[in-house]
Amino acid sequence: MDAGGEPNALSFEAALGRLEEIVRLLERGEAPLDQSIDLYQEGDRLRRLCEERLKSAQARIDAIALGPDGRPRGTVPFDGS
């Protein structure tokens, strides 16, 4: 992995940046087959990580409780499921 370390240790922005880099490399079609397969697998892991982080962020946003006037009045507990 070019960015170093486990994918889960990457920030969303770093994972997305690496995923974009992998897409560019694969689109050029210059990598040998084995390297292309490795890049594809890494890209798939990063895609799943980004998707997971986005879903988590959406759940946190959805947990914001709105008052009768439509303005945020606090949050509700987020159970992570």
C-alpha atoms as a PDB file:
ATOM      1  CA  MET A   1       0.000   0.000   0.000  1.00  0.00           C
ATOM      2  CA  ASP A   2       1.549   3.260  -1.146  1.00  0.00           C
ATOM      3  CA  ALA A   3       0.052   5.435   1.618  1.00  0.00           C
ATOM      4  CA  GLY A   4       1.606   3.163   4.230  1.00  0.00           C
ATOM      5  CA  GLY A   5      -0.023   1.148   6.967  1.00  0.00           C
ATOM      6  CA  GLU A   6      -3.402  -0.450   7.163  1.00  0.00           C
ATOM      7  CA  PRO A   7      -6.287   1.116   5.230  1.00  0.00           C
ATOM      8  CA  ASN A   8      -8.301   1.590   8.447  1.00  0.00           C
ATOM      9  CA  ALA A   9      -5.539   3.839   9.796  1.00  0.00           C
ATOM     10  CA  LEU A  10      -6.037   6.265   6.893  1.00  0.00           C
ATOM     11  CA  SER A  11      -8.222   9.322   7.164  1.00  0.00           C
ATOM     12  CA  PHE A  12     -11.188   9.474   4.802  1.00  0.00           C
ATOM     13  CA  GLU A  13      -9.384  12.093   2.724  1.00  0.00           C
ATOM     14  CA  ALA A  14      -6.183  10.031   2.477  1.00  0.00           C
ATOM     15  CA  ALA A  15      -8.134   6.882   1.548  1.00  0.00           C
ATOM     16  CA  LEU A  16     -10.106   8.760  -1.112  1.00  0.00           C
ATOM     17  CA  GLY A  17      -6.918  10.312  -2.496  1.00  0.00           C
ATOM     18  CA  ARG A  18      -5.239   6.914  -2.755  1.00  0.00           C
ATOM     19  CA  LEU A  19      -8.364   5.451  -4.368  1.00  0.00           C
ATOM     20  CA  GLU A  20      -8.337   8.223  -6.985  1.00  0.00           C
ATOM     21  CA  GLU A  21      -4.642   7.509  -7.635  1.00  0.00           C
ATOM     22  CA  ILE A  22      -5.393   3.803  -8.125  1.00  0.00           C
ATOM     23  CA  VAL A  23      -8.209   4.593 -10.561  1.00  0.00           C
ATOM     24  CA  ARG A  24      -5.861   6.795 -12.608  1.00  0.00           C
ATOM     25  CA  LEU A  25      -3.216   4.045 -12.674  1.00  0.00           C
ATOM     26  CA  LEU A  26      -5.726   1.422 -13.772  1.00  0.00           C
ATOM     27  CA  GLU A  27      -7.298   3.687 -16.391  1.00  0.00           C
ATOM     28  CA  ARG A  28      -3.913   4.215 -18.028  1.00  0.00           C
ATOM     29  CA  GLY A  29      -3.648   0.445 -18.456  1.00  0.00           C
ATOM     30  CA  GLU A  30       0.137   0.473 -18.201  1.00  0.00           C
ATOM     31  CA  ALA A  31       0.490  -1.744 -15.114  1.00  0.00           C
ATOM     32  CA  PRO A  32       1.264  -5.438 -15.575  1.00  0.00           C
ATOM     33  CA  LEU A  33      -1.619  -7.814 -14.906  1.00  0.00           C
ATOM     34  CA  ASP A  34      -0.479  -8.907 -11.423  1.00  0.00           C
ATOM     35  CA  GLN A  35       0.038  -5.316 -10.327  1.00  0.00           C
ATOM     36  CA  SER A  36      -3.346  -4.334 -11.772  1.00  0.00           C
ATOM     37  CA  ILE A  37      -5.031  -7.081  -9.752  1.00  0.00           C
ATOM     38  CA  ASP A  38      -3.249  -5.929  -6.578  1.00  0.00           C
ATOM     39  CA  LEU A  39      -4.254  -2.329  -7.274  1.00  0.00           C
ATOM     40  CA  TYR A  40      -7.849  -3.372  -7.890  1.00  0.00           C
ATOM     41  CA  GLN A  41      -7.955  -5.273  -4.580  1.00  0.00           C
ATOM     42  CA  GLU A  42      -6.462  -2.321  -2.708  1.00  0.00           C
ATOM     43  CA  GLY A  43      -8.939  -0.003  -4.398  1.00  0.00           C
ATOM     44  CA  ASP A  44     -11.834  -2.231  -3.396  1.00  0.00           C
ATOM     45  CA  ARG A  45     -10.695  -2.186   0.259  1.00  0.00           C
ATOM     46  CA  LEU A  46     -10.381   1.596   0.136  1.00  0.00           C
ATOM     47  CA  ARG A  47     -13.800   1.957  -1.514  1.00  0.00           C
ATOM     48  CA  ARG A  48     -15.400  -0.094   1.242  1.00  0.00           C
ATOM     49  CA  LEU A  49     -13.566   1.933   3.903  1.00  0.00           C
ATOM     50  CA  CYS A  50     -14.750   5.236   2.382  1.00  0.00           C
ATOM     51  CA  GLU A  51     -18.300   3.937   2.060  1.00  0.00           C
ATOM     52  CA  GLU A  52     -18.267   2.810   5.706  1.00  0.00           C
ATOM     53  CA  ARG A  53     -16.979   6.180   6.882  1.00  0.00           C
ATOM     54  CA  LEU A  54     -19.622   8.033   4.847  1.00  0.00           C
ATOM     55  CA  LYS A  55     -22.405   5.868   6.281  1.00  0.00           C
ATOM     56  CA  SER A  56     -21.092   6.525   9.789  1.00  0.00           C
ATOM     57  CA  ALA A  57     -20.988  10.273   9.156  1.00  0.00           C
ATOM     58  CA  GLN A  58     -24.531  10.175   7.773  1.00  0.00           C
ATOM     59  CA  ALA A  59     -25.753   8.301  10.855  1.00  0.00           C
ATOM     60  CA  ARG A  60     -24.167  10.939  13.089  1.00  0.00           C
ATOM     61  CA  ILE A  61     -25.843  13.693  11.077  1.00  0.00           C
ATOM     62  CA  ASP A  62     -29.168  11.862  11.244  1.00  0.00           C
ATOM     63  CA  ALA A  63     -28.781  11.673  15.039  1.00  0.00           C
ATOM     64  CA  ILE A  64     -29.031  15.453  15.384  1.00  0.00           C
ATOM     65  CA  ALA A  65     -32.396  16.173  16.958  1.00  0.00           C
ATOM     66  CA  LEU A  66     -34.390  19.050  15.532  1.00  0.00           C
ATOM     67  CA  GLY A  67     -36.772  21.159  17.574  1.00  0.00           C
ATOM     68  CA  PRO A  68     -40.272  22.232  16.484  1.00  0.00           C
ATOM     69  CA  ASP A  69     -38.752  25.281  14.800  1.00  0.00           C
ATOM     70  CA  GLY A  70     -36.519  23.059  12.651  1.00  0.00           C
ATOM     71  CA  ARG A  71     -33.332  24.169  14.399  1.00  0.00           C
ATOM     72  CA  PRO A  72     -30.945  21.692  16.037  1.00  0.00           C
ATOM     73  CA  ARG A  73     -31.655  21.338  19.736  1.00  0.00           C
ATOM     74  CA  GLY A  74     -29.105  18.644  20.533  1.00  0.00           C
ATOM     75  CA  THR A  75     -28.300  15.116  19.598  1.00  0.00           C
ATOM     76  CA  VAL A  76     -29.826  11.747  20.249  1.00  0.00           C
ATOM     77  CA  PRO A  77     -27.637   8.812  21.340  1.00  0.00           C
ATOM     78  CA  PHE A  78     -25.959   7.056  18.434  1.00  0.00           C
ATOM     79  CA  ASP A  79     -25.655   3.300  18.868  1.00  0.00           C
ATOM     80  CA  GLY A  80     -23.511   2.761  15.754  1.00  0.00           C
ATOM     81  CA  SER A  81     -25.747   0.152  14.182  1.00  0.00           C
END
